[in-house]
Amino acid sequence: MKYCATTVAMPELTMAEQAGLLQKLGYDGVELRVRPVTDEQRKQGPSPWGYHVNDVSPENFAAKAAEIRSVLSDHGIALAGLATNVACTDLEQVKLVLEGAVAAGAPFFRVGAASGYNGTRPYREIYGETIAGYTRVLELTRGTGVKIVLEIHGNTIHPSASLAHRIVSQFDPQLVGVIYDPQNMVRDGFETTSLAIDLLREYIAHCHVGAHRPTAGEPDESGTASWKWERCRMAEGLYHFPIMLKELAAINYDGFISIEDFGSEPVEDKLADAIQYLRHIEP
């Protein structure tokens, strides 16, 4: 298996520091966050979902592509893919990301549905807009060698393997893929691992791993139990990762497994623990 880590979990490090740390810990690649940053976020300092010291945005990505290639090459780290959050309806942002992806040699970038899902808009409406949006995005990406991927994620119309498959199955798996994300699915959208991976199969372009476990909260006024989710080590989480690795091996998966861990522990400690655990449980 090939392992990478997302720079979303390393906002305080420069690109060279990120690559050096991953090289030191035995990683094969990096998943690079490329997202817009506001002036207010910059003022607040580094944070996973705000400002990053490496400061790669859709607007400056193409200009930084040569530097990214050079830094990663110097450390023997591959660019596994891009942690973007562009919607399939935002073609101007898609064009910026695609230009940078081609220049930097990224194999894919994440493209979201037409909108999230919170029950206020019908599923079928968002689904139709998403299929139309992906069709338009493919008019831009086809022939570039860059794939677009849909991440299994809560608060979307694709929180499970089967709902993600309903979208991507309308397209060629050489052009469109899925980010298989079991740590999202333990909270919303879980489907039996062997079934989910068998269904998605050739569409699985990337995997995200990390862990959560439920803890009991205070019951409400009716006495109904409530639950909270806390971050934990993968070995201690609700999801059973040995099964995932076994099923991925069975379909000859050759993409990356990317560590997403946003806990408060030092980044080197988290990433060292994650890759040691995953190497230990490989089939």
C-alpha atoms as a PDB file:
ATOM      1  CA  MET A   1       0.000   0.000   0.000  1.00  0.00           C
ATOM      2  CA  LYS A   2       1.048   3.598  -0.635  1.00  0.00           C
ATOM      3  CA  TYR A   3       0.546   6.123   2.146  1.00  0.00           C
ATOM      4  CA  CYS A   4       0.286   9.884   2.137  1.00  0.00           C
ATOM      5  CA  ALA A   5      -0.979  12.540   4.526  1.00  0.00           C
ATOM      6  CA  THR A   6      -3.074  15.607   3.890  1.00  0.00           C
ATOM      7  CA  THR A   7      -1.538  19.024   4.432  1.00  0.00           C
ATOM      8  CA  VAL A   8      -4.875  20.030   5.989  1.00  0.00           C
ATOM      9  CA  ALA A   9      -3.438  18.476   9.157  1.00  0.00           C
ATOM     10  CA  MET A  10      -0.142  20.399   8.842  1.00  0.00           C
ATOM     11  CA  PRO A  11      -1.177  24.062   8.496  1.00  0.00           C
ATOM     12  CA  GLU A  12       1.741  25.411  10.551  1.00  0.00           C
ATOM     13  CA  LEU A  13       4.460  23.884   8.325  1.00  0.00           C
ATOM     14  CA  THR A  14       6.026  25.155   5.127  1.00  0.00           C
ATOM     15  CA  MET A  15       5.896  22.913   2.075  1.00  0.00           C
ATOM     16  CA  ALA A  16       9.530  21.908   2.571  1.00  0.00           C
ATOM     17  CA  GLU A  17       8.857  21.098   6.238  1.00  0.00           C
ATOM     18  CA  GLN A  18       5.822  19.011   5.283  1.00  0.00           C
ATOM     19  CA  ALA A  19       7.760  17.072   2.656  1.00  0.00           C
ATOM     20  CA  GLY A  20      10.712  16.595   4.998  1.00  0.00           C
ATOM     21  CA  LEU A  21       8.517  15.257   7.783  1.00  0.00           C
ATOM     22  CA  LEU A  22       6.733  12.810   5.479  1.00  0.00           C
ATOM     23  CA  GLN A  23      10.052  11.612   4.090  1.00  0.00           C
ATOM     24  CA  LYS A  24      11.407  11.107   7.612  1.00  0.00           C
ATOM     25  CA  LEU A  25       8.363   9.042   8.652  1.00  0.00           C
ATOM     26  CA  GLY A  26       8.397   6.810   5.577  1.00  0.00           C
ATOM     27  CA  TYR A  27       5.427   8.213   3.657  1.00  0.00           C
ATOM     28  CA  ASP A  28       5.154   7.886  -0.103  1.00  0.00           C
ATOM     29  CA  GLY A  29       3.186  11.011  -0.922  1.00  0.00           C
ATOM     30  CA  VAL A  30       1.300  14.118   0.131  1.00  0.00           C
ATOM     31  CA  GLU A  31      -2.277  15.265  -0.463  1.00  0.00           C
ATOM     32  CA  LEU A  32      -2.024  19.016  -0.968  1.00  0.00           C
ATOM     33  CA  ARG A  33      -4.757  21.368   0.203  1.00  0.00           C
ATOM     34  CA  VAL A  34      -5.593  23.989  -2.449  1.00  0.00           C
ATOM     35  CA  ARG A  35      -8.345  26.291  -1.226  1.00  0.00           C
ATOM     36  CA  PRO A  36      -9.232  29.985  -1.160  1.00  0.00           C
ATOM     37  CA  VAL A  37      -8.147  31.867   1.985  1.00  0.00           C
ATOM     38  CA  THR A  38      -9.741  35.086   3.223  1.00  0.00           C
ATOM     39  CA  ASP A  39      -7.888  38.039   4.725  1.00  0.00           C
ATOM     40  CA  GLU A  40      -9.627  37.352   8.030  1.00  0.00           C
ATOM     41  CA  GLN A  41      -8.357  33.767   8.057  1.00  0.00           C
ATOM     42  CA  ARG A  42      -4.834  35.008   7.417  1.00  0.00           C
ATOM     43  CA  LYS A  43      -5.068  37.313  10.424  1.00  0.00           C
ATOM     44  CA  GLN A  44      -6.145  34.409  12.640  1.00  0.00           C
ATOM     45  CA  GLY A  45      -3.005  32.398  11.864  1.00  0.00           C
ATOM     46  CA  PRO A  46      -2.574  28.763  10.809  1.00  0.00           C
ATOM     47  CA  SER A  47      -5.519  26.383  11.165  1.00  0.00           C
ATOM     48  CA  PRO A  48      -6.611  23.276   9.228  1.00  0.00           C
ATOM     49  CA  TRP A  49      -9.586  24.930   7.516  1.00  0.00           C
ATOM     50  CA  GLY A  50      -8.159  28.447   7.375  1.00  0.00           C
ATOM     51  CA  TYR A  51      -4.748  29.885   6.596  1.00  0.00           C
ATOM     52  CA  HIS A  52      -1.848  27.536   5.794  1.00  0.00           C
ATOM     53  CA  VAL A  53       1.773  28.618   5.940  1.00  0.00           C
ATOM     54  CA  ASN A  54       2.390  26.903   2.572  1.00  0.00           C
ATOM     55  CA  ASP A  55      -0.396  29.163   1.212  1.00  0.00           C
ATOM     56  CA  VAL A  56      -1.576  27.344  -1.911  1.00  0.00           C
ATOM     57  CA  SER A  57      -4.870  28.614  -3.312  1.00  0.00           C
ATOM     58  CA  PRO A  58      -6.619  28.166  -6.662  1.00  0.00           C
ATOM     59  CA  GLU A  59      -5.459  31.658  -7.593  1.00  0.00           C
ATOM     60  CA  ASN A  60      -1.719  31.074  -7.007  1.00  0.00           C
ATOM     61  CA  PHE A  61      -1.530  27.324  -7.614  1.00  0.00           C
ATOM     62  CA  ALA A  62      -0.262  27.422 -11.202  1.00  0.00           C
ATOM     63  CA  ALA A  63       2.400  29.971 -10.283  1.00  0.00           C
ATOM     64  CA  LYS A  64       3.622  27.748  -7.440  1.00  0.00           C
ATOM     65  CA  ALA A  65       3.534  24.503  -9.427  1.00  0.00           C
ATOM     66  CA  ALA A  66       7.239  24.483 -10.299  1.00  0.00           C
ATOM     67  CA  GLU A  67       8.176  25.059  -6.645  1.00  0.00           C
ATOM     68  CA  ILE A  68       5.849  22.259  -5.535  1.00  0.00           C
ATOM     69  CA  ARG A  69       7.372  19.844  -8.053  1.00  0.00           C
ATOM     70  CA  SER A  70      10.887  20.780  -6.967  1.00  0.00           C
ATOM     71  CA  VAL A  71      10.280  20.484  -3.208  1.00  0.00           C
ATOM     72  CA  LEU A  72       8.506  17.137  -3.487  1.00  0.00           C
ATOM     73  CA  SER A  73      11.115  15.735  -5.876  1.00  0.00           C
ATOM     74  CA  ASP A  74      13.922  16.768  -3.526  1.00  0.00           C
ATOM     75  CA  HIS A  75      12.316  14.702  -0.754  1.00  0.00           C
ATOM     76  CA  GLY A  76      11.151  11.723  -2.822  1.00  0.00           C
ATOM     77  CA  ILE A  77       7.498  12.501  -2.110  1.00  0.00           C
ATOM     78  CA  ALA A  78       4.774  12.086  -4.750  1.00  0.00           C
ATOM     79  CA  LEU A  79       1.878  14.494  -5.205  1.00  0.00           C
ATOM     80  CA  ALA A  80      -0.928  12.051  -4.453  1.00  0.00           C
ATOM     81  CA  GLY A  81      -3.768  14.456  -5.218  1.00  0.00           C
ATOM     82  CA  LEU A  82      -5.451  17.697  -4.248  1.00  0.00           C
ATOM     83  CA  ALA A  83      -7.667  18.421  -1.246  1.00  0.00           C
ATOM     84  CA  THR A  84      -9.844  21.014  -2.945  1.00  0.00           C
ATOM     85  CA  ASN A  85     -13.437  21.974  -2.168  1.00  0.00           C
ATOM     86  CA  VAL A  86     -14.594  23.428  -5.483  1.00  0.00           C
ATOM     87  CA  ALA A  87     -18.229  22.818  -6.438  1.00  0.00           C
ATOM     88  CA  CYS A  88     -19.022  21.257  -9.792  1.00  0.00           C
ATOM     89  CA  THR A  89     -21.029  24.386 -10.654  1.00  0.00           C
ATOM     90  CA  ASP A  90     -18.110  26.794 -10.072  1.00  0.00           C
ATOM     91  CA  LEU A  91     -16.352  26.468 -13.411  1.00  0.00           C
ATOM     92  CA  GLU A  92     -14.065  29.464 -12.880  1.00  0.00           C
ATOM     93  CA  GLN A  93     -12.555  27.873  -9.770  1.00  0.00           C
ATOM     94  CA  VAL A  94     -12.394  24.523 -11.577  1.00  0.00           C
ATOM     95  CA  LYS A  95     -10.362  26.143 -14.369  1.00  0.00           C
ATOM     96  CA  LEU A  96      -7.884  27.634 -11.882  1.00  0.00           C
ATOM     97  CA  VAL A  97      -7.420  24.357 -10.017  1.00  0.00           C
ATOM     98  CA  LEU A  98      -7.131  22.374 -13.242  1.00  0.00           C
ATOM     99  CA  GLU A  99      -4.426  24.695 -14.599  1.00  0.00           C
ATOM    100  CA  GLY A 100      -2.393  24.212 -11.432  1.00  0.00           C
ATOM    101  CA  ALA A 101      -3.060  20.468 -11.312  1.00  0.00           C
ATOM    102  CA  VAL A 102      -1.697  20.001 -14.820  1.00  0.00           C
ATOM    103  CA  ALA A 103       1.358  22.156 -14.086  1.00  0.00           C
ATOM    104  CA  ALA A 104       2.099  20.421 -10.772  1.00  0.00           C
ATOM    105  CA  GLY A 105       1.415  16.904 -12.042  1.00  0.00           C
ATOM    106  CA  ALA A 106      -1.516  16.151  -9.718  1.00  0.00           C
ATOM    107  CA  PRO A 107      -3.475  13.034 -10.717  1.00  0.00           C
ATOM    108  CA  PHE A 108      -6.813  14.289  -9.355  1.00  0.00           C
ATOM    109  CA  PHE A 109      -8.668  17.016  -7.531  1.00  0.00           C
ATOM    110  CA  ARG A 110     -11.805  16.870  -5.445  1.00  0.00           C
ATOM    111  CA  VAL A 111     -14.994  18.307  -6.956  1.00  0.00           C
ATOM    112  CA  GLY A 112     -18.113  18.566  -4.816  1.00  0.00           C
ATOM    113  CA  ALA A 113     -21.778  18.220  -5.673  1.00  0.00           C
ATOM    114  CA  ALA A 114     -23.849  21.211  -6.719  1.00  0.00           C
ATOM    115  CA  SER A 115     -24.623  21.902  -3.053  1.00  0.00           C
ATOM    116  CA  GLY A 116     -24.614  20.243   0.340  1.00  0.00           C
ATOM    117  CA  TYR A 117     -27.653  18.523   1.786  1.00  0.00           C
ATOM    118  CA  ASN A 118     -29.553  19.644   4.895  1.00  0.00           C
ATOM    119  CA  GLY A 119     -33.103  18.691   3.969  1.00  0.00           C
ATOM    120  CA  THR A 120     -34.163  22.113   2.695  1.00  0.00           C
ATOM    121  CA  ARG A 121     -33.703  21.234  -0.989  1.00  0.00           C
ATOM    122  CA  PRO A 122     -34.916  17.968  -2.570  1.00  0.00           C
ATOM    123  CA  TYR A 123     -32.313  15.288  -3.182  1.00  0.00           C
ATOM    124  CA  ARG A 124     -33.423  14.801  -6.785  1.00  0.00           C
ATOM    125  CA  GLU A 125     -32.918  18.481  -7.560  1.00  0.00           C
ATOM    126  CA  ILE A 126     -29.360  18.537  -6.222  1.00  0.00           C
ATOM    127  CA  TYR A 127     -28.618  15.227  -7.925  1.00  0.00           C
ATOM    128  CA  GLY A 128     -29.710  16.546 -11.318  1.00  0.00           C
ATOM    129  CA  GLU A 129     -27.633  19.712 -10.908  1.00  0.00           C
ATOM    130  CA  THR A 130     -24.635  17.611  -9.882  1.00  0.00           C
ATOM    131  CA  ILE A 131     -24.795  15.324 -12.912  1.00  0.00           C
ATOM    132  CA  ALA A 132     -25.079  18.392 -15.152  1.00  0.00           C
ATOM    133  CA  GLY A 133     -22.217  20.072 -13.290  1.00  0.00           C
ATOM    134  CA  TYR A 134     -19.905  17.079 -13.551  1.00  0.00           C
ATOM    135  CA  THR A 135     -20.689  16.843 -17.260  1.00  0.00           C
ATOM    136  CA  ARG A 136     -19.573  20.448 -17.734  1.00  0.00           C
ATOM    137  CA  VAL A 137     -16.431  19.945 -15.608  1.00  0.00           C
ATOM    138  CA  LEU A 138     -15.475  16.947 -17.752  1.00  0.00           C
ATOM    139  CA  GLU A 139     -15.586  19.167 -20.819  1.00  0.00           C
ATOM    140  CA  LEU A 140     -12.652  20.995 -19.208  1.00  0.00           C
ATOM    141  CA  THR A 141     -10.701  18.069 -17.732  1.00  0.00           C
ATOM    142  CA  ARG A 142     -11.056  15.484 -20.507  1.00  0.00           C
ATOM    143  CA  GLY A 143      -7.715  14.898 -22.198  1.00  0.00           C
ATOM    144  CA  THR A 144      -5.644  16.535 -19.430  1.00  0.00           C
ATOM    145  CA  GLY A 145      -4.868  13.328 -17.538  1.00  0.00           C
ATOM    146  CA  VAL A 146      -6.384  14.819 -14.390  1.00  0.00           C
ATOM    147  CA  LYS A 147      -9.284  12.954 -12.776  1.00  0.00           C
ATOM    148  CA  ILE A 148     -12.072  14.579 -10.759  1.00  0.00           C
ATOM    149  CA  VAL A 149     -13.132  12.814  -7.571  1.00  0.00           C
ATOM    150  CA  LEU A 150     -16.157  12.878  -5.290  1.00  0.00           C
ATOM    151  CA  GLU A 151     -15.551  12.376  -1.569  1.00  0.00           C
ATOM    152  CA  ILE A 152     -17.911  10.280   0.530  1.00  0.00           C
ATOM    153  CA  HIS A 153     -18.905  12.847   3.156  1.00  0.00           C
ATOM    154  CA  GLY A 154     -21.657  13.758   5.600  1.00  0.00           C
ATOM    155  CA  ASN A 155     -24.117  16.599   4.922  1.00  0.00           C
ATOM    156  CA  THR A 156     -24.024  15.809   1.206  1.00  0.00           C
ATOM    157  CA  ILE A 157     -26.123  13.750  -1.212  1.00  0.00           C
ATOM    158  CA  HIS A 158     -23.243  11.230  -1.278  1.00  0.00           C
ATOM    159  CA  PRO A 159     -22.593  10.151   2.357  1.00  0.00           C
ATOM    160  CA  SER A 160     -22.363   6.455   1.459  1.00  0.00           C
ATOM    161  CA  ALA A 161     -20.711   4.235  -1.126  1.00  0.00           C
ATOM    162  CA  SER A 162     -23.961   3.511  -2.940  1.00  0.00           C
ATOM    163  CA  LEU A 163     -25.063   7.153  -3.123  1.00  0.00           C
ATOM    164  CA  ALA A 164     -21.617   8.201  -4.353  1.00  0.00           C
ATOM    165  CA  HIS A 165     -21.751   5.366  -6.885  1.00  0.00           C
ATOM    166  CA  ARG A 166     -25.116   6.606  -8.158  1.00  0.00           C
ATOM    167  CA  ILE A 167     -23.381   9.818  -9.216  1.00  0.00           C
ATOM    168  CA  VAL A 168     -20.030   8.595 -10.530  1.00  0.00           C
ATOM    169  CA  SER A 169     -21.473   5.561 -12.338  1.00  0.00           C
ATOM    170  CA  GLN A 170     -22.858   7.985 -14.909  1.00  0.00           C
ATOM    171  CA  PHE A 171     -19.273   8.650 -16.016  1.00  0.00           C
ATOM    172  CA  ASP A 172     -16.124   6.876 -17.202  1.00  0.00           C
ATOM    173  CA  PRO A 173     -14.018   5.647 -14.215  1.00  0.00           C
ATOM    174  CA  GLN A 174     -10.925   6.801 -16.103  1.00  0.00           C
ATOM    175  CA  LEU A 175     -12.215  10.368 -15.735  1.00  0.00           C
ATOM    176  CA  VAL A 176     -14.224  10.355 -12.495  1.00  0.00           C
ATOM    177  CA  GLY A 177     -13.568   8.617  -9.199  1.00  0.00           C
ATOM    178  CA  VAL A 178     -14.468   8.427  -5.520  1.00  0.00           C
ATOM    179  CA  ILE A 179     -12.563   9.153  -2.341  1.00  0.00           C
ATOM    180  CA  TYR A 180     -13.476   6.254  -0.062  1.00  0.00           C
ATOM    181  CA  ASP A 181     -13.680   7.758   3.441  1.00  0.00           C
ATOM    182  CA  PRO A 182     -14.642   5.336   6.213  1.00  0.00           C
ATOM    183  CA  GLN A 183     -14.062   7.800   9.040  1.00  0.00           C
ATOM    184  CA  ASN A 184     -16.851   9.950   7.581  1.00  0.00           C
ATOM    185  CA  MET A 185     -19.100   6.925   7.191  1.00  0.00           C
ATOM    186  CA  VAL A 186     -18.969   5.842  10.818  1.00  0.00           C
ATOM    187  CA  ARG A 187     -21.125   8.903  11.537  1.00  0.00           C
ATOM    188  CA  ASP A 188     -23.296   8.966   8.423  1.00  0.00           C
ATOM    189  CA  GLY A 189     -23.593   6.513   5.531  1.00  0.00           C
ATOM    190  CA  PHE A 190     -21.867   3.336   6.708  1.00  0.00           C
ATOM    191  CA  GLU A 191     -22.254   0.306   4.456  1.00  0.00           C
ATOM    192  CA  THR A 192     -20.559  -3.073   4.866  1.00  0.00           C
ATOM    193  CA  THR A 193     -16.934  -2.590   3.839  1.00  0.00           C
ATOM    194  CA  SER A 194     -16.676  -5.581   1.497  1.00  0.00           C
ATOM    195  CA  LEU A 195     -19.929  -4.609  -0.234  1.00  0.00           C
ATOM    196  CA  ALA A 196     -18.977  -0.929  -0.514  1.00  0.00           C
ATOM    197  CA  ILE A 197     -15.548  -1.602  -2.005  1.00  0.00           C
ATOM    198  CA  ASP A 198     -16.926  -4.277  -4.329  1.00  0.00           C
ATOM    199  CA  LEU A 199     -19.545  -1.798  -5.586  1.00  0.00           C
ATOM    200  CA  LEU A 200     -17.170   1.125  -6.088  1.00  0.00           C
ATOM    201  CA  ARG A 201     -14.238  -0.998  -7.277  1.00  0.00           C
ATOM    202  CA  GLU A 202     -12.748   0.762 -10.345  1.00  0.00           C
ATOM    203  CA  TYR A 203     -14.092   4.133  -9.157  1.00  0.00           C
ATOM    204  CA  ILE A 204     -11.996   4.175  -5.963  1.00  0.00           C
ATOM    205  CA  ALA A 205      -9.314   6.729  -6.762  1.00  0.00           C
ATOM    206  CA  HIS A 206      -8.151   7.615  -3.250  1.00  0.00           C
ATOM    207  CA  CYS A 207      -8.820   6.724   0.391  1.00  0.00           C
ATOM    208  CA  HIS A 208      -8.996   8.868   3.517  1.00  0.00           C
ATOM    209  CA  VAL A 209      -8.357   7.326   6.923  1.00  0.00           C
ATOM    210  CA  GLY A 210      -8.590   8.575  10.460  1.00  0.00           C
ATOM    211  CA  ALA A 211     -10.746   7.547  13.388  1.00  0.00           C
ATOM    212  CA  HIS A 212     -13.633   8.563  15.601  1.00  0.00           C
ATOM    213  CA  ARG A 213     -15.536   6.787  18.338  1.00  0.00           C
ATOM    214  CA  PRO A 214     -18.900   7.581  19.922  1.00  0.00           C
ATOM    215  CA  THR A 215     -19.181   8.711  23.515  1.00  0.00           C
ATOM    216  CA  ALA A 216     -22.404   9.044  25.477  1.00  0.00           C
ATOM    217  CA  GLY A 217     -23.721  12.550  26.056  1.00  0.00           C
ATOM    218  CA  GLU A 218     -26.501  13.748  28.307  1.00  0.00           C
ATOM    219  CA  PRO A 219     -29.994  12.439  27.495  1.00  0.00           C
ATOM    220  CA  ASP A 220     -32.539  14.977  26.321  1.00  0.00           C
ATOM    221  CA  GLU A 221     -35.728  15.941  28.187  1.00  0.00           C
ATOM    222  CA  SER A 222     -37.473  12.788  26.914  1.00  0.00           C
ATOM    223  CA  GLY A 223     -34.697  10.570  28.224  1.00  0.00           C
ATOM    224  CA  THR A 224     -33.425   9.760  24.735  1.00  0.00           C
ATOM    225  CA  ALA A 225     -29.701   9.116  24.668  1.00  0.00           C
ATOM    226  CA  SER A 226     -27.435  11.484  22.781  1.00  0.00           C
ATOM    227  CA  TRP A 227     -24.025  10.713  21.336  1.00  0.00           C
ATOM    228  CA  LYS A 228     -20.899  12.689  20.596  1.00  0.00           C
ATOM    229  CA  TRP A 229     -17.960  11.784  18.400  1.00  0.00           C
ATOM    230  CA  GLU A 230     -14.368  12.116  19.510  1.00  0.00           C
ATOM    231  CA  ARG A 231     -11.161  11.751  17.533  1.00  0.00           C
ATOM    232  CA  CYS A 232      -8.992   8.768  18.496  1.00  0.00           C
ATOM    233  CA  ARG A 233      -6.218   6.530  17.184  1.00  0.00           C
ATOM    234  CA  MET A 234      -7.216   4.336  14.249  1.00  0.00           C
ATOM    235  CA  ALA A 235      -6.597   1.222  16.328  1.00  0.00           C
ATOM    236  CA  GLU A 236      -9.178   2.473  18.851  1.00  0.00           C
ATOM    237  CA  GLY A 237     -11.881   3.804  16.541  1.00  0.00           C
ATOM    238  CA  LEU A 238     -15.247   2.430  15.525  1.00  0.00           C
ATOM    239  CA  TYR A 239     -14.146   1.455  12.003  1.00  0.00           C
ATOM    240  CA  HIS A 240     -12.210  -1.787  11.435  1.00  0.00           C
ATOM    241  CA  PHE A 241      -9.306  -0.852   9.161  1.00  0.00           C
ATOM    242  CA  PRO A 242      -7.820  -4.354   8.700  1.00  0.00           C
ATOM    243  CA  ILE A 243     -10.937  -5.307   6.730  1.00  0.00           C
ATOM    244  CA  MET A 244     -10.585  -2.234   4.523  1.00  0.00           C
ATOM    245  CA  LEU A 245      -6.962  -3.019   3.663  1.00  0.00           C
ATOM    246  CA  LYS A 246      -7.852  -6.638   2.955  1.00  0.00           C
ATOM    247  CA  GLU A 247     -10.695  -5.657   0.602  1.00  0.00           C
ATOM    248  CA  LEU A 248      -8.585  -3.025  -1.158  1.00  0.00           C
ATOM    249  CA  ALA A 249      -5.861  -5.589  -1.727  1.00  0.00           C
ATOM    250  CA  ALA A 250      -8.455  -7.977  -3.167  1.00  0.00           C
ATOM    251  CA  ILE A 251      -9.353  -5.484  -5.920  1.00  0.00           C
ATOM    252  CA  ASN A 252      -5.664  -4.664  -6.524  1.00  0.00           C
ATOM    253  CA  TYR A 253      -6.102  -1.066  -5.409  1.00  0.00           C
ATOM    254  CA  ASP A 254      -3.008   0.909  -6.359  1.00  0.00           C
ATOM    255  CA  GLY A 255      -3.933   4.407  -5.196  1.00  0.00           C
ATOM    256  CA  PHE A 256      -2.940   6.188  -2.009  1.00  0.00           C
ATOM    257  CA  ILE A 257      -4.283   5.872   1.506  1.00  0.00           C
ATOM    258  CA  SER A 258      -4.232   9.352   2.991  1.00  0.00           C
ATOM    259  CA  ILE A 259      -4.109  10.107   6.716  1.00  0.00           C
ATOM    260  CA  GLU A 260      -6.569  12.765   7.856  1.00  0.00           C
ATOM    261  CA  ASP A 261      -6.032  13.413  11.552  1.00  0.00           C
ATOM    262  CA  PHE A 262      -7.029  16.776  12.987  1.00  0.00           C
ATOM    263  CA  GLY A 263      -6.407  15.971  16.641  1.00  0.00           C
ATOM    264  CA  SER A 264      -4.496  18.354  18.910  1.00  0.00           C
ATOM    265  CA  GLU A 265      -1.443  16.089  19.334  1.00  0.00           C
ATOM    266  CA  PRO A 266       1.869  17.111  17.721  1.00  0.00           C
ATOM    267  CA  VAL A 267       1.679  16.424  14.002  1.00  0.00           C
ATOM    268  CA  GLU A 268       4.796  14.232  13.943  1.00  0.00           C
ATOM    269  CA  ASP A 269       3.401  12.011  16.702  1.00  0.00           C
ATOM    270  CA  LYS A 270       0.062  11.577  14.927  1.00  0.00           C
ATOM    271  CA  LEU A 271       1.557  10.784  11.550  1.00  0.00           C
ATOM    272  CA  ALA A 272       4.169   8.410  12.977  1.00  0.00           C
ATOM    273  CA  ASP A 273       1.520   6.463  14.885  1.00  0.00           C
ATOM    274  CA  ALA A 274      -0.778   6.270  11.849  1.00  0.00           C
ATOM    275  CA  ILE A 275       1.727   4.857   9.373  1.00  0.00           C
ATOM    276  CA  GLN A 276       3.148   2.413  11.916  1.00  0.00           C
ATOM    277  CA  TYR A 277      -0.351   1.075  12.598  1.00  0.00           C
ATOM    278  CA  LEU A 278      -1.281   0.789   8.915  1.00  0.00           C
ATOM    279  CA  ARG A 279       1.958  -0.972   7.997  1.00  0.00           C
ATOM    280  CA  HIS A 280       1.387  -3.392  10.869  1.00  0.00           C
ATOM    281  CA  ILE A 281      -2.116  -4.411   9.735  1.00  0.00           C
ATOM    282  CA  GLU A 282      -1.428  -4.730   6.019  1.00  0.00           C
ATOM    283  CA  PRO A 283      -2.650  -8.121   4.711  1.00  0.00           C
END
